[in-house]
Amino acid sequence: MANATSVTVRAGNDQFRGLYTNTFLVRATLNADSLADGAGDTDTVAVPGVALGDMVLSASLAVDVAGLIVTAYVSAADTVSIRFQNETGGTVDLASATLRLVVVRSLA
């Protein structure tokens, strides 16, 4: 598990024209495993305050993801999971990089 190095929570209804009650801006350092073709791996980031049902709007790494499929989602209270899936035809080993996430809690 990677711990978030920075979490900013904006509460209120000014984000996205009042669609969300909270916005979590997360920055963490992540070192994904080397993945052979067809393999996948899931890493987690501790994000205090997120809850099941919150949505990850954006996940961005500060390196080229080299064709990996990257999916981020809230998997438990205070936890965001990031799934890496390799379908490139070769082995991919990403360098350690800064991960940035935007997580929101919907009004509805």
PDB file of N, CA and C in Angstrom:
ATOM      1  N   MET A   1       0.847  -1.181   0.000  1.00  0.00           N
ATOM      2  CA  MET A   1       0.000   0.000   0.000  1.00  0.00           C
ATOM      3  C   MET A   1       0.884   1.232   0.000  1.00  0.00           C
ATOM      4  N   ALA A   2       0.533   2.188  -0.828  1.00  0.00           N
ATOM      5  CA  ALA A   2       1.222   3.474  -0.843  1.00  0.00           C
ATOM      6  C   ALA A   2       0.396   4.461  -0.040  1.00  0.00           C
ATOM      7  N   ASN A   3       1.048   5.226   0.810  1.00  0.00           N
ATOM      8  CA  ASN A   3       0.331   6.245   1.560  1.00  0.00           C
ATOM      9  C   ASN A   3       0.299   7.530   0.763  1.00  0.00           C
ATOM     10  N   ALA A   4      -0.836   8.184   0.803  1.00  0.00           N
ATOM     11  CA  ALA A   4      -0.942   9.459   0.114  1.00  0.00           C
ATOM     12  C   ALA A   4       0.011  10.449   0.777  1.00  0.00           C
ATOM     13  N   THR A   5       0.799  11.128  -0.024  1.00  0.00           N
ATOM     14  CA  THR A   5       1.715  12.113   0.522  1.00  0.00           C
ATOM     15  C   THR A   5       1.034  13.462   0.689  1.00  0.00           C
ATOM     16  N   SER A   6      -0.097  13.622   0.048  1.00  0.00           N
ATOM     17  CA  SER A   6      -0.850  14.865   0.145  1.00  0.00           C
ATOM     18  C   SER A   6      -2.305  14.580  -0.203  1.00  0.00           C
ATOM     19  N   VAL A   7      -3.213  14.947   0.700  1.00  0.00           N
ATOM     20  CA  VAL A   7      -4.642  14.823   0.438  1.00  0.00           C
ATOM     21  C   VAL A   7      -5.289  16.152   0.770  1.00  0.00           C
ATOM     22  N   THR A   8      -5.955  16.744  -0.192  1.00  0.00           N
ATOM     23  CA  THR A   8      -6.693  17.977   0.026  1.00  0.00           C
ATOM     24  C   THR A   8      -8.164  17.674  -0.159  1.00  0.00           C
ATOM     25  N   VAL A   9      -8.989  18.039   0.815  1.00  0.00           N
ATOM     26  CA  VAL A   9     -10.426  17.815   0.727  1.00  0.00           C
ATOM     27  C   VAL A   9     -11.111  19.170   0.618  1.00  0.00           C
ATOM     28  N   ARG A  10     -11.913  19.315  -0.408  1.00  0.00           N
ATOM     29  CA  ARG A  10     -12.708  20.529  -0.561  1.00  0.00           C
ATOM     30  C   ARG A  10     -14.154  20.151  -0.316  1.00  0.00           C
ATOM     31  N   ALA A  11     -14.704  20.648   0.766  1.00  0.00           N
ATOM     32  CA  ALA A  11     -16.109  20.387   1.076  1.00  0.00           C
ATOM     33  C   ALA A  11     -16.939  21.578   0.607  1.00  0.00           C
ATOM     34  N   GLY A  12     -18.150  21.302   0.225  1.00  0.00           N
ATOM     35  CA  GLY A  12     -19.034  22.364  -0.248  1.00  0.00           C
ATOM     36  C   GLY A  12     -19.604  22.000  -1.602  1.00  0.00           C
ATOM     37  N   ASN A  13     -20.414  22.881  -2.141  1.00  0.00           N
ATOM     38  CA  ASN A  13     -21.077  22.550  -3.404  1.00  0.00           C
ATOM     39  C   ASN A  13     -20.620  23.432  -4.549  1.00  0.00           C
ATOM     40  N   ASP A  14     -19.434  24.032  -4.441  1.00  0.00           N
ATOM     41  CA  ASP A  14     -18.958  24.879  -5.534  1.00  0.00           C
ATOM     42  C   ASP A  14     -18.239  24.090  -6.620  1.00  0.00           C
ATOM     43  N   GLN A  15     -17.866  22.834  -6.334  1.00  0.00           N
ATOM     44  CA  GLN A  15     -17.176  22.028  -7.331  1.00  0.00           C
ATOM     45  C   GLN A  15     -18.180  21.476  -8.329  1.00  0.00           C
ATOM     46  N   PHE A  16     -17.822  21.518  -9.586  1.00  0.00           N
ATOM     47  CA  PHE A  16     -18.634  20.909 -10.639  1.00  0.00           C
ATOM     48  C   PHE A  16     -20.091  21.358 -10.564  1.00  0.00           C
ATOM     49  N   ARG A  17     -20.304  22.626 -10.309  1.00  0.00           N
ATOM     50  CA  ARG A  17     -21.645  23.231 -10.284  1.00  0.00           C
ATOM     51  C   ARG A  17     -22.591  22.532  -9.304  1.00  0.00           C
ATOM     52  N   GLY A  18     -22.058  22.189  -8.132  1.00  0.00           N
ATOM     53  CA  GLY A  18     -22.903  21.645  -7.088  1.00  0.00           C
ATOM     54  C   GLY A  18     -23.262  20.179  -7.231  1.00  0.00           C
ATOM     55  N   LEU A  19     -22.524  19.422  -8.021  1.00  0.00           N
ATOM     56  CA  LEU A  19     -22.824  18.004  -8.195  1.00  0.00           C
ATOM     57  C   LEU A  19     -22.217  17.128  -7.103  1.00  0.00           C
ATOM     58  N   TYR A  20     -21.159  17.616  -6.450  1.00  0.00           N
ATOM     59  CA  TYR A  20     -20.434  16.807  -5.478  1.00  0.00           C
ATOM     60  C   TYR A  20     -20.313  17.540  -4.153  1.00  0.00           C
ATOM     61  N   THR A  21     -20.351  16.774  -3.045  1.00  0.00           N
ATOM     62  CA  THR A  21     -20.220  17.378  -1.728  1.00  0.00           C
ATOM     63  C   THR A  21     -18.772  17.486  -1.292  1.00  0.00           C
ATOM     64  N   ASN A  22     -17.926  16.569  -1.734  1.00  0.00           N
ATOM     65  CA  ASN A  22     -16.515  16.582  -1.376  1.00  0.00           C
ATOM     66  C   ASN A  22     -15.675  16.255  -2.600  1.00  0.00           C
ATOM     67  N   THR A  23     -14.527  16.883  -2.663  1.00  0.00           N
ATOM     68  CA  THR A  23     -13.554  16.571  -3.697  1.00  0.00           C
ATOM     69  C   THR A  23     -12.229  16.292  -3.008  1.00  0.00           C
ATOM     70  N   PHE A  24     -11.657  15.129  -3.260  1.00  0.00           N
ATOM     71  CA  PHE A  24     -10.374  14.741  -2.683  1.00  0.00           C
ATOM     72  C   PHE A  24      -9.321  14.843  -3.775  1.00  0.00           C
ATOM     73  N   LEU A  25      -8.316  15.676  -3.566  1.00  0.00           N
ATOM     74  CA  LEU A  25      -7.191  15.802  -4.490  1.00  0.00           C
ATOM     75  C   LEU A  25      -6.019  15.089  -3.840  1.00  0.00           C
ATOM     76  N   VAL A  26      -5.552  14.016  -4.456  1.00  0.00           N
ATOM     77  CA  VAL A  26      -4.592  13.114  -3.828  1.00  0.00           C
ATOM     78  C   VAL A  26      -3.299  13.073  -4.634  1.00  0.00           C
ATOM     79  N   ARG A  27      -2.189  13.071  -3.916  1.00  0.00           N
ATOM     80  CA  ARG A  27      -0.872  12.897  -4.531  1.00  0.00           C
ATOM     81  C   ARG A  27      -0.149  11.826  -3.722  1.00  0.00           C
ATOM     82  N   ALA A  28       0.369  10.801  -4.396  1.00  0.00           N
ATOM     83  CA  ALA A  28       1.081   9.722  -3.726  1.00  0.00           C
ATOM     84  C   ALA A  28       2.201   9.234  -4.626  1.00  0.00           C
ATOM     85  N   THR A  29       3.198   8.609  -4.037  1.00  0.00           N
ATOM     86  CA  THR A  29       4.261   7.983  -4.805  1.00  0.00           C
ATOM     87  C   THR A  29       3.927   6.507  -4.934  1.00  0.00           C
ATOM     88  N   LEU A  30       3.993   6.001  -6.160  1.00  0.00           N
ATOM     89  CA  LEU A  30       3.603   4.625  -6.424  1.00  0.00           C
ATOM     90  C   LEU A  30       4.675   3.949  -7.263  1.00  0.00           C
ATOM     91  N   ASN A  31       5.027   2.731  -6.890  1.00  0.00           N
ATOM     92  CA  ASN A  31       5.982   1.938  -7.653  1.00  0.00           C
ATOM     93  C   ASN A  31       5.286   0.644  -8.062  1.00  0.00           C
ATOM     94  N   ALA A  32       4.739   0.613  -9.258  1.00  0.00           N
ATOM     95  CA  ALA A  32       3.997  -0.545  -9.755  1.00  0.00           C
ATOM     96  C   ALA A  32       4.959  -1.692 -10.061  1.00  0.00           C
ATOM     97  N   ASP A  33       4.461  -2.928  -9.919  1.00  0.00           N
ATOM     98  CA  ASP A  33       5.259  -4.111 -10.226  1.00  0.00           C
ATOM     99  C   ASP A  33       5.479  -4.239 -11.726  1.00  0.00           C
ATOM    100  N   SER A  34       6.557  -4.944 -12.093  1.00  0.00           N
ATOM    101  CA  SER A  34       6.784  -5.300 -13.491  1.00  0.00           C
ATOM    102  C   SER A  34       5.704  -6.298 -13.905  1.00  0.00           C
ATOM    103  N   LEU A  35       5.123  -6.102 -15.092  1.00  0.00           N
ATOM    104  CA  LEU A  35       4.022  -6.955 -15.538  1.00  0.00           C
ATOM    105  C   LEU A  35       4.343  -7.604 -16.879  1.00  0.00           C
ATOM    106  N   ALA A  36       4.234  -8.929 -16.914  1.00  0.00           N
ATOM    107  CA  ALA A  36       4.352  -9.667 -18.176  1.00  0.00           C
ATOM    108  C   ALA A  36       3.069  -9.462 -18.976  1.00  0.00           C
ATOM    109  N   ASP A  37       3.122  -9.746 -20.274  1.00  0.00           N
ATOM    110  CA  ASP A  37       1.926  -9.622 -21.104  1.00  0.00           C
ATOM    111  C   ASP A  37       0.801 -10.492 -20.539  1.00  0.00           C
ATOM    112  N   GLY A  38      -0.386  -9.919 -20.439  1.00  0.00           N
ATOM    113  CA  GLY A  38      -1.551 -10.631 -19.934  1.00  0.00           C
ATOM    114  C   GLY A  38      -1.692 -10.595 -18.428  1.00  0.00           C
ATOM    115  N   ALA A  39      -0.700 -10.057 -17.740  1.00  0.00           N
ATOM    116  CA  ALA A  39      -0.734 -10.003 -16.271  1.00  0.00           C
ATOM    117  C   ALA A  39      -1.316  -8.684 -15.781  1.00  0.00           C
ATOM    118  N   GLY A  40      -1.809  -8.728 -14.559  1.00  0.00           N
ATOM    119  CA  GLY A  40      -2.341  -7.523 -13.925  1.00  0.00           C
ATOM    120  C   GLY A  40      -1.902  -7.452 -12.482  1.00  0.00           C
ATOM    121  N   ASP A  41      -1.988  -6.272 -11.909  1.00  0.00           N
ATOM    122  CA  ASP A  41      -1.624  -6.066 -10.509  1.00  0.00           C
ATOM    123  C   ASP A  41      -2.452  -4.910  -9.974  1.00  0.00           C
ATOM    124  N   THR A  42      -2.845  -5.023  -8.717  1.00  0.00           N
ATOM    125  CA  THR A  42      -3.616  -3.962  -8.080  1.00  0.00           C
ATOM    126  C   THR A  42      -2.838  -3.425  -6.891  1.00  0.00           C
ATOM    127  N   ASP A  43      -2.607  -2.125  -6.869  1.00  0.00           N
ATOM    128  CA  ASP A  43      -1.974  -1.433  -5.755  1.00  0.00           C
ATOM    129  C   ASP A  43      -3.037  -0.613  -5.038  1.00  0.00           C
ATOM    130  N   THR A  44      -2.773  -0.278  -3.786  1.00  0.00           N
ATOM    131  CA  THR A  44      -3.719   0.542  -3.041  1.00  0.00           C
ATOM    132  C   THR A  44      -3.035   1.781  -2.494  1.00  0.00           C
ATOM    133  N   VAL A  45      -3.833   2.822  -2.311  1.00  0.00           N
ATOM    134  CA  VAL A  45      -3.375   4.068  -1.714  1.00  0.00           C
ATOM    135  C   VAL A  45      -4.315   4.399  -0.568  1.00  0.00           C
ATOM    136  N   ALA A  46      -3.750   4.666   0.605  1.00  0.00           N
ATOM    137  CA  ALA A  46      -4.554   5.079   1.748  1.00  0.00           C
ATOM    138  C   ALA A  46      -4.965   6.535   1.550  1.00  0.00           C
ATOM    139  N   VAL A  47      -6.277   6.777   1.502  1.00  0.00           N
ATOM    140  CA  VAL A  47      -6.807   8.132   1.313  1.00  0.00           C
ATOM    141  C   VAL A  47      -7.844   8.378   2.412  1.00  0.00           C
ATOM    142  N   PRO A  48      -7.449   9.004   3.507  1.00  0.00           N
ATOM    143  CA  PRO A  48      -8.382   9.230   4.608  1.00  0.00           C
ATOM    144  C   PRO A  48      -9.627   9.996   4.155  1.00  0.00           C
ATOM    145  N   GLY A  49     -10.791   9.434   4.514  1.00  0.00           N
ATOM    146  CA  GLY A  49     -12.046  10.126   4.233  1.00  0.00           C
ATOM    147  C   GLY A  49     -12.837   9.599   3.059  1.00  0.00           C
ATOM    148  N   VAL A  50     -12.198   8.889   2.115  1.00  0.00           N
ATOM    149  CA  VAL A  50     -12.991   8.364   0.997  1.00  0.00           C
ATOM    150  C   VAL A  50     -13.837   7.196   1.483  1.00  0.00           C
ATOM    151  N   ALA A  51     -14.965   6.962   0.799  1.00  0.00           N
ATOM    152  CA  ALA A  51     -15.896   5.905   1.193  1.00  0.00           C
ATOM    153  C   ALA A  51     -16.376   5.161  -0.036  1.00  0.00           C
ATOM    154  N   LEU A  52     -16.825   3.911   0.180  1.00  0.00           N
ATOM    155  CA  LEU A  52     -17.430   3.167  -0.919  1.00  0.00           C
ATOM    156  C   LEU A  52     -18.554   3.998  -1.524  1.00  0.00           C
ATOM    157  N   GLY A  53     -18.626   4.017  -2.823  1.00  0.00           N
ATOM    158  CA  GLY A  53     -19.603   4.841  -3.527  1.00  0.00           C
ATOM    159  C   GLY A  53     -19.014   6.134  -4.054  1.00  0.00           C
ATOM    160  N   ASP A  54     -17.873   6.585  -3.491  1.00  0.00           N
ATOM    161  CA  ASP A  54     -17.187   7.750  -4.049  1.00  0.00           C
ATOM    162  C   ASP A  54     -16.620   7.357  -5.405  1.00  0.00           C
ATOM    163  N   MET A  55     -16.444   8.325  -6.280  1.00  0.00           N
ATOM    164  CA  MET A  55     -15.993   8.063  -7.645  1.00  0.00           C
ATOM    165  C   MET A  55     -14.602   8.632  -7.890  1.00  0.00           C
ATOM    166  N   VAL A  56     -13.747   7.848  -8.527  1.00  0.00           N
ATOM    167  CA  VAL A  56     -12.443   8.340  -8.965  1.00  0.00           C
ATOM    168  C   VAL A  56     -12.635   8.908 -10.367  1.00  0.00           C
ATOM    169  N   LEU A  57     -12.554  10.226 -10.469  1.00  0.00           N
ATOM    170  CA  LEU A  57     -12.749  10.877 -11.774  1.00  0.00           C
ATOM    171  C   LEU A  57     -11.490  10.841 -12.625  1.00  0.00           C
ATOM    172  N   SER A  58     -10.338  10.860 -11.966  1.00  0.00           N
ATOM    173  CA  SER A  58      -9.096  10.944 -12.725  1.00  0.00           C
ATOM    174  C   SER A  58      -7.970  10.260 -11.965  1.00  0.00           C
ATOM    175  N   ALA A  59      -7.156   9.525 -12.700  1.00  0.00           N
ATOM    176  CA  ALA A  59      -5.929   8.931 -12.165  1.00  0.00           C
ATOM    177  C   ALA A  59      -4.833   9.207 -13.176  1.00  0.00           C
ATOM    178  N   SER A  60      -3.775   9.848 -12.735  1.00  0.00           N
ATOM    179  CA  SER A  60      -2.705  10.222 -13.641  1.00  0.00           C
ATOM    180  C   SER A  60      -1.360   9.887 -13.023  1.00  0.00           C
ATOM    181  N   LEU A  61      -0.482   9.283 -13.812  1.00  0.00           N
ATOM    182  CA  LEU A  61       0.876   8.986 -13.369  1.00  0.00           C
ATOM    183  C   LEU A  61       1.853   9.913 -14.073  1.00  0.00           C
ATOM    184  N   ALA A  62       2.932  10.242 -13.388  1.00  0.00           N
ATOM    185  CA  ALA A  62       3.934  11.154 -13.943  1.00  0.00           C
ATOM    186  C   ALA A  62       4.946  10.426 -14.822  1.00  0.00           C
ATOM    187  N   VAL A  63       4.550   9.279 -15.389  1.00  0.00           N
ATOM    188  CA  VAL A  63       5.370   8.540 -16.355  1.00  0.00           C
ATOM    189  C   VAL A  63       4.455   8.047 -17.465  1.00  0.00           C
ATOM    190  N   ASP A  64       5.048   7.715 -18.598  1.00  0.00           N
ATOM    191  CA  ASP A  64       4.294   7.093 -19.687  1.00  0.00           C
ATOM    192  C   ASP A  64       3.853   5.712 -19.211  1.00  0.00           C
ATOM    193  N   VAL A  65       2.574   5.409 -19.306  1.00  0.00           N
ATOM    194  CA  VAL A  65       2.080   4.112 -18.838  1.00  0.00           C
ATOM    195  C   VAL A  65       2.316   2.994 -19.852  1.00  0.00           C
ATOM    196  N   ALA A  66       2.960   3.301 -20.947  1.00  0.00           N
ATOM    197  CA  ALA A  66       3.460   2.311 -21.911  1.00  0.00           C
ATOM    198  C   ALA A  66       2.391   1.335 -22.390  1.00  0.00           C
ATOM    199  N   GLY A  67       1.170   1.817 -22.548  1.00  0.00           N
ATOM    200  CA  GLY A  67       0.105   0.979 -23.074  1.00  0.00           C
ATOM    201  C   GLY A  67      -0.653   0.173 -22.034  1.00  0.00           C
ATOM    202  N   LEU A  68      -0.274   0.276 -20.755  1.00  0.00           N
ATOM    203  CA  LEU A  68      -1.013  -0.432 -19.706  1.00  0.00           C
ATOM    204  C   LEU A  68      -2.412   0.148 -19.572  1.00  0.00           C
ATOM    205  N   ILE A  69      -3.355  -0.685 -19.206  1.00  0.00           N
ATOM    206  CA  ILE A  69      -4.707  -0.226 -18.876  1.00  0.00           C
ATOM    207  C   ILE A  69      -4.702   0.091 -17.392  1.00  0.00           C
ATOM    208  N   VAL A  70      -5.053   1.329 -17.031  1.00  0.00           N
ATOM    209  CA  VAL A  70      -5.019   1.768 -15.637  1.00  0.00           C
ATOM    210  C   VAL A  70      -6.440   2.121 -15.215  1.00  0.00           C
ATOM    211  N   THR A  71      -6.912   1.498 -14.139  1.00  0.00           N
ATOM    212  CA  THR A  71      -8.251   1.734 -13.612  1.00  0.00           C
ATOM    213  C   THR A  71      -8.138   2.016 -12.120  1.00  0.00           C
ATOM    214  N   ALA A  72      -8.752   3.096 -11.659  1.00  0.00           N
ATOM    215  CA  ALA A  72      -8.728   3.437 -10.237  1.00  0.00           C
ATOM    216  C   ALA A  72     -10.153   3.478  -9.703  1.00  0.00           C
ATOM    217  N   TYR A  73     -10.323   3.012  -8.468  1.00  0.00           N
ATOM    218  CA  TYR A  73     -11.647   2.964  -7.851  1.00  0.00           C
ATOM    219  C   TYR A  73     -11.512   2.920  -6.333  1.00  0.00           C
ATOM    220  N   VAL A  74     -12.548   3.371  -5.631  1.00  0.00           N
ATOM    221  CA  VAL A  74     -12.579   3.267  -4.173  1.00  0.00           C
ATOM    222  C   VAL A  74     -12.973   1.836  -3.845  1.00  0.00           C
ATOM    223  N   SER A  75     -12.095   1.116  -3.149  1.00  0.00           N
ATOM    224  CA  SER A  75     -12.326  -0.304  -2.870  1.00  0.00           C
ATOM    225  C   SER A  75     -12.759  -0.570  -1.428  1.00  0.00           C
ATOM    226  N   ALA A  76     -12.575   0.405  -0.544  1.00  0.00           N
ATOM    227  CA  ALA A  76     -12.967   0.283   0.859  1.00  0.00           C
ATOM    228  C   ALA A  76     -12.878   1.674   1.474  1.00  0.00           C
ATOM    229  N   ALA A  77     -13.399   1.816   2.678  1.00  0.00           N
ATOM    230  CA  ALA A  77     -13.266   3.091   3.378  1.00  0.00           C
ATOM    231  C   ALA A  77     -11.783   3.448   3.483  1.00  0.00           C
ATOM    232  N   ASP A  78     -11.450   4.680   3.142  1.00  0.00           N
ATOM    233  CA  ASP A  78     -10.089   5.211   3.241  1.00  0.00           C
ATOM    234  C   ASP A  78      -9.092   4.553   2.281  1.00  0.00           C
ATOM    235  N   THR A  79      -9.581   3.868   1.248  1.00  0.00           N
ATOM    236  CA  THR A  79      -8.674   3.147   0.336  1.00  0.00           C
ATOM    237  C   THR A  79      -9.096   3.303  -1.126  1.00  0.00           C
ATOM    238  N   VAL A  80      -8.132   3.695  -1.961  1.00  0.00           N
ATOM    239  CA  VAL A  80      -8.327   3.715  -3.408  1.00  0.00           C
ATOM    240  C   VAL A  80      -7.418   2.647  -4.001  1.00  0.00           C
ATOM    241  N   SER A  81      -7.972   1.799  -4.867  1.00  0.00           N
ATOM    242  CA  SER A  81      -7.198   0.773  -5.562  1.00  0.00           C
ATOM    243  C   SER A  81      -6.907   1.229  -6.983  1.00  0.00           C
ATOM    244  N   ILE A  82      -5.712   0.907  -7.448  1.00  0.00           N
ATOM    245  CA  ILE A  82      -5.303   1.227  -8.815  1.00  0.00           C
ATOM    246  C   ILE A  82      -4.899  -0.091  -9.475  1.00  0.00           C
ATOM    247  N   ARG A  83      -5.629  -0.449 -10.526  1.00  0.00           N
ATOM    248  CA  ARG A  83      -5.395  -1.708 -11.235  1.00  0.00           C
ATOM    249  C   ARG A  83      -4.598  -1.424 -12.500  1.00  0.00           C
ATOM    250  N   PHE A  84      -3.499  -2.165 -12.674  1.00  0.00           N
ATOM    251  CA  PHE A  84      -2.685  -2.097 -13.880  1.00  0.00           C
ATOM    252  C   PHE A  84      -2.849  -3.411 -14.623  1.00  0.00           C
ATOM    253  N   GLN A  85      -3.209  -3.355 -15.903  1.00  0.00           N
ATOM    254  CA  GLN A  85      -3.381  -4.557 -16.721  1.00  0.00           C
ATOM    255  C   GLN A  85      -2.515  -4.406 -17.972  1.00  0.00           C
ATOM    256  N   ASN A  86      -1.706  -5.410 -18.243  1.00  0.00           N
ATOM    257  CA  ASN A  86      -0.803  -5.364 -19.395  1.00  0.00           C
ATOM    258  C   ASN A  86      -1.338  -6.257 -20.507  1.00  0.00           C
ATOM    259  N   GLU A  87      -1.719  -5.644 -21.606  1.00  0.00           N
ATOM    260  CA  GLU A  87      -2.140  -6.374 -22.818  1.00  0.00           C
ATOM    261  C   GLU A  87      -1.333  -5.878 -24.016  1.00  0.00           C
ATOM    262  N   THR A  88      -0.064  -5.496 -23.759  1.00  0.00           N
ATOM    263  CA  THR A  88       0.757  -4.870 -24.800  1.00  0.00           C
ATOM    264  C   THR A  88       1.490  -5.866 -25.693  1.00  0.00           C
ATOM    265  N   GLY A  89       1.610  -7.114 -25.252  1.00  0.00           N
ATOM    266  CA  GLY A  89       2.386  -8.089 -26.014  1.00  0.00           C
ATOM    267  C   GLY A  89       3.796  -8.268 -25.488  1.00  0.00           C
ATOM    268  N   GLY A  90       4.196  -7.477 -24.499  1.00  0.00           N
ATOM    269  CA  GLY A  90       5.530  -7.589 -23.910  1.00  0.00           C
ATOM    270  C   GLY A  90       5.490  -7.239 -22.434  1.00  0.00           C
ATOM    271  N   THR A  91       6.631  -7.346 -21.784  1.00  0.00           N
ATOM    272  CA  THR A  91       6.735  -6.999 -20.365  1.00  0.00           C
ATOM    273  C   THR A  91       6.875  -5.490 -20.211  1.00  0.00           C
ATOM    274  N   VAL A  92       6.197  -4.925 -19.218  1.00  0.00           N
ATOM    275  CA  VAL A  92       6.273  -3.489 -18.934  1.00  0.00           C
ATOM    276  C   VAL A  92       6.649  -3.308 -17.471  1.00  0.00           C
ATOM    277  N   ASP A  93       7.660  -2.474 -17.216  1.00  0.00           N
ATOM    278  CA  ASP A  93       8.085  -2.153 -15.856  1.00  0.00           C
ATOM    279  C   ASP A  93       8.124  -0.636 -15.729  1.00  0.00           C
ATOM    280  N   LEU A  94       7.111  -0.088 -15.073  1.00  0.00           N
ATOM    281  CA  LEU A  94       7.048   1.357 -14.899  1.00  0.00           C
ATOM    282  C   LEU A  94       7.996   1.807 -13.796  1.00  0.00           C
ATOM    283  N   ALA A  95       8.585   2.976 -13.972  1.00  0.00           N
ATOM    284  CA  ALA A  95       9.414   3.567 -12.925  1.00  0.00           C
ATOM    285  C   ALA A  95       8.523   4.066 -11.794  1.00  0.00           C
ATOM    286  N   SER A  96       9.079   4.194 -10.624  1.00  0.00           N
ATOM    287  CA  SER A  96       8.363   4.809  -9.511  1.00  0.00           C
ATOM    288  C   SER A  96       7.958   6.217  -9.935  1.00  0.00           C
ATOM    289  N   ALA A  97       6.717   6.593  -9.616  1.00  0.00           N
ATOM    290  CA  ALA A  97       6.226   7.880 -10.115  1.00  0.00           C
ATOM    291  C   ALA A  97       5.187   8.462  -9.169  1.00  0.00           C
ATOM    292  N   THR A  98       4.917   9.738  -9.350  1.00  0.00           N
ATOM    293  CA  THR A  98       3.853  10.399  -8.620  1.00  0.00           C
ATOM    294  C   THR A  98       2.519  10.056  -9.259  1.00  0.00           C
ATOM    295  N   LEU A  99       1.597   9.610  -8.422  1.00  0.00           N
ATOM    296  CA  LEU A  99       0.229   9.311  -8.835  1.00  0.00           C
ATOM    297  C   LEU A  99      -0.644  10.452  -8.346  1.00  0.00           C
ATOM    298  N   ARG A 100      -1.482  10.966  -9.231  1.00  0.00           N
ATOM    299  CA  ARG A 100      -2.455  11.994  -8.831  1.00  0.00           C
ATOM    300  C   ARG A 100      -3.849  11.474  -9.088  1.00  0.00           C
ATOM    301  N   LEU A 101      -4.729  11.650  -8.092  1.00  0.00           N
ATOM    302  CA  LEU A 101      -6.110  11.196  -8.168  1.00  0.00           C
ATOM    303  C   LEU A 101      -7.063  12.332  -7.850  1.00  0.00           C
ATOM    304  N   VAL A 102      -8.220  12.315  -8.489  1.00  0.00           N
ATOM    305  CA  VAL A 102      -9.323  13.176  -8.116  1.00  0.00           C
ATOM    306  C   VAL A 102     -10.489  12.251  -7.777  1.00  0.00           C
ATOM    307  N   VAL A 103     -10.926  12.299  -6.514  1.00  0.00           N
ATOM    308  CA  VAL A 103     -12.014  11.462  -6.027  1.00  0.00           C
ATOM    309  C   VAL A 103     -13.138  12.384  -5.574  1.00  0.00           C
ATOM    310  N   VAL A 104     -14.371  12.058  -5.928  1.00  0.00           N
ATOM    311  CA  VAL A 104     -15.511  12.910  -5.562  1.00  0.00           C
ATOM    312  C   VAL A 104     -16.607  12.098  -4.903  1.00  0.00           C
ATOM    313  N   ARG A 105     -17.393  12.802  -4.090  1.00  0.00           N
ATOM    314  CA  ARG A 105     -18.581  12.218  -3.447  1.00  0.00           C
ATOM    315  C   ARG A 105     -19.793  12.937  -4.014  1.00  0.00           C
ATOM    316  N   SER A 106     -20.701  12.180  -4.596  1.00  0.00           N
ATOM    317  CA  SER A 106     -21.868  12.733  -5.273  1.00  0.00           C
ATOM    318  C   SER A 106     -22.944  13.171  -4.279  1.00  0.00           C
ATOM    319  N   LEU A 107     -23.698  14.192  -4.658  1.00  0.00           N
ATOM    320  CA  LEU A 107     -24.844  14.625  -3.864  1.00  0.00           C
ATOM    321  C   LEU A 107     -25.961  13.587  -3.889  1.00  0.00           C
ATOM    322  N   ALA A 108     -26.107  12.897  -5.011  1.00  0.00           N
ATOM    323  CA  ALA A 108     -27.226  11.957  -5.164  1.00  0.00           C
ATOM    324  C   ALA A 108     -26.912  10.604  -4.602  1.00  0.00           C
TER     325      ALA A 108
END
